[in-house]
């Protein structure tokens, strides 16, 4: 864990592990952020 490359590879391995609840939660969080972002853009496009 000395270099950022190793820590990033370790995080990637943790994300790719099957049955990892943290990976599922982070994926849902990322998709939710994109959904809220596009919803706000869509809302403003309709208001204008």
N, C-alpha and C. Protein backbone atom coordinates (compact mmCIF):
# COMPACT_ATOMS: atom_id res chain seq x y z
N UNK A 1 0.83 -1.20 0.00
CA UNK A 1 0.00 0.00 0.00
C UNK A 1 0.86 1.25 0.00
N UNK A 2 2.08 1.15 -0.54
CA UNK A 2 2.95 2.32 -0.56
C UNK A 2 2.59 3.24 -1.72
N UNK A 3 2.29 2.67 -2.88
CA UNK A 3 2.03 3.48 -4.06
C UNK A 3 0.53 3.57 -4.32
N UNK A 4 0.07 4.67 -4.91
CA UNK A 4 -1.35 4.80 -5.25
C UNK A 4 -1.79 3.75 -6.27
N UNK A 5 -0.86 3.30 -7.12
CA UNK A 5 -1.21 2.30 -8.12
C UNK A 5 -1.65 1.00 -7.44
N UNK A 6 -0.92 0.60 -6.42
CA UNK A 6 -1.28 -0.64 -5.72
C UNK A 6 -2.62 -0.49 -5.03
N UNK A 7 -2.86 0.67 -4.41
CA UNK A 7 -4.12 0.85 -3.69
C UNK A 7 -5.28 0.90 -4.68
N UNK A 8 -5.06 1.51 -5.86
CA UNK A 8 -6.12 1.57 -6.85
C UNK A 8 -6.40 0.17 -7.40
N UNK A 9 -5.34 -0.63 -7.60
CA UNK A 9 -5.54 -2.00 -8.07
C UNK A 9 -6.26 -2.82 -7.01
N UNK A 10 -5.95 -2.57 -5.73
CA UNK A 10 -6.62 -3.28 -4.66
C UNK A 10 -8.10 -2.90 -4.60
N UNK A 11 -8.39 -1.61 -4.81
CA UNK A 11 -9.78 -1.15 -4.81
C UNK A 11 -10.53 -1.75 -6.00
N UNK A 12 -9.84 -1.82 -7.15
CA UNK A 12 -10.48 -2.41 -8.32
C UNK A 12 -10.77 -3.89 -8.09
N UNK A 13 -9.84 -4.59 -7.44
CA UNK A 13 -10.06 -6.01 -7.14
C UNK A 13 -11.24 -6.17 -6.19
N UNK A 14 -11.36 -5.26 -5.23
CA UNK A 14 -12.48 -5.34 -4.30
C UNK A 14 -13.79 -5.07 -5.02
N UNK A 15 -13.76 -4.17 -6.03
CA UNK A 15 -14.97 -3.87 -6.78
C UNK A 15 -15.38 -5.05 -7.66
N UNK A 16 -14.38 -5.75 -8.21
CA UNK A 16 -14.68 -6.84 -9.14
C UNK A 16 -14.96 -8.15 -8.43
N UNK A 17 -14.78 -8.20 -7.11
CA UNK A 17 -15.05 -9.44 -6.39
C UNK A 17 -16.54 -9.75 -6.42
N UNK A 18 -16.93 -10.98 -6.72
CA UNK A 18 -18.35 -11.33 -6.74
C UNK A 18 -18.94 -11.34 -5.34
N UNK A 19 -20.18 -10.88 -5.23
CA UNK A 19 -20.85 -10.87 -3.93
C UNK A 19 -20.41 -9.73 -3.05
N UNK A 20 -19.73 -8.73 -3.62
CA UNK A 20 -19.30 -7.59 -2.81
C UNK A 20 -20.42 -6.58 -2.69
N UNK A 21 -20.93 -6.40 -1.49
CA UNK A 21 -22.04 -5.45 -1.31
C UNK A 21 -21.57 -4.02 -1.52
N UNK A 22 -20.30 -3.74 -1.21
CA UNK A 22 -19.78 -2.39 -1.37
C UNK A 22 -19.77 -1.99 -2.84
N UNK A 23 -19.44 -2.95 -3.72
CA UNK A 23 -19.42 -2.65 -5.15
C UNK A 23 -20.83 -2.35 -5.64
N UNK A 24 -21.81 -3.11 -5.15
CA UNK A 24 -23.20 -2.89 -5.56
C UNK A 24 -23.68 -1.53 -5.07
N UNK A 25 -23.35 -1.20 -3.82
CA UNK A 25 -23.79 0.09 -3.26
C UNK A 25 -23.15 1.24 -4.03
N UNK A 26 -21.86 1.12 -4.35
CA UNK A 26 -21.18 2.20 -5.07
C UNK A 26 -21.74 2.33 -6.48
N UNK A 27 -22.08 1.19 -7.13
CA UNK A 27 -22.64 1.25 -8.48
C UNK A 27 -24.01 1.92 -8.45
N UNK A 28 -24.83 1.57 -7.45
CA UNK A 28 -26.15 2.20 -7.32
C UNK A 28 -26.00 3.69 -7.06
N UNK A 29 -24.99 4.05 -6.24
CA UNK A 29 -24.76 5.46 -5.93
C UNK A 29 -24.36 6.24 -7.18
N UNK A 30 -23.47 5.65 -8.00
CA UNK A 30 -23.02 6.32 -9.22
C UNK A 30 -24.18 6.47 -10.20
N UNK A 31 -24.95 5.39 -10.38
CA UNK A 31 -26.09 5.45 -11.30
C UNK A 31 -27.13 6.46 -10.79
N UNK A 32 -27.33 6.51 -9.49
CA UNK A 32 -28.27 7.46 -8.91
C UNK A 32 -27.82 8.90 -9.14
N UNK A 33 -26.52 9.14 -9.02
CA UNK A 33 -26.01 10.49 -9.27
C UNK A 33 -26.24 10.91 -10.71
N UNK A 34 -25.97 10.00 -11.65
CA UNK A 34 -26.20 10.32 -13.06
C UNK A 34 -27.68 10.54 -13.33
N UNK A 35 -28.54 9.74 -12.69
CA UNK A 35 -29.98 9.88 -12.89
C UNK A 35 -30.47 11.24 -12.40
N UNK A 36 -30.02 11.65 -11.22
CA UNK A 36 -30.42 12.96 -10.68
C UNK A 36 -29.90 14.08 -11.58
N UNK A 37 -28.67 13.95 -12.07
CA UNK A 37 -28.08 14.97 -12.93
C UNK A 37 -28.90 15.14 -14.22
N UNK A 38 -29.23 14.02 -14.87
CA UNK A 38 -29.99 14.10 -16.11
C UNK A 38 -31.42 14.54 -15.85
N UNK A 39 -31.98 14.18 -14.70
CA UNK A 39 -33.34 14.61 -14.37
C UNK A 39 -33.40 16.13 -14.20
N UNK A 40 -32.36 16.69 -13.55
CA UNK A 40 -32.31 18.15 -13.37
C UNK A 40 -32.17 18.84 -14.73
N UNK A 41 -31.31 18.29 -15.61
CA UNK A 41 -31.17 18.88 -16.95
C UNK A 41 -32.49 18.81 -17.71
N UNK A 42 -33.18 17.68 -17.62
CA UNK A 42 -34.46 17.51 -18.31
C UNK A 42 -35.49 18.49 -17.76
N UNK A 43 -35.50 18.67 -16.45
CA UNK A 43 -36.46 19.58 -15.81
C UNK A 43 -36.23 21.02 -16.26
N UNK A 44 -34.96 21.43 -16.31
CA UNK A 44 -34.65 22.80 -16.74
C UNK A 44 -34.96 22.97 -18.23
N UNK A 45 -34.75 21.93 -19.03
CA UNK A 45 -35.04 22.03 -20.46
C UNK A 45 -36.54 22.23 -20.68
N UNK A 46 -37.38 21.60 -19.87
CA UNK A 46 -38.83 21.75 -20.00
C UNK A 46 -39.26 23.14 -19.50
N UNK A 47 -38.62 23.61 -18.43
CA UNK A 47 -39.02 24.92 -17.87
C UNK A 47 -38.73 26.07 -18.83
N UNK A 48 -37.67 25.95 -19.59
CA UNK A 48 -37.29 27.07 -20.47
C UNK A 48 -38.23 27.15 -21.68
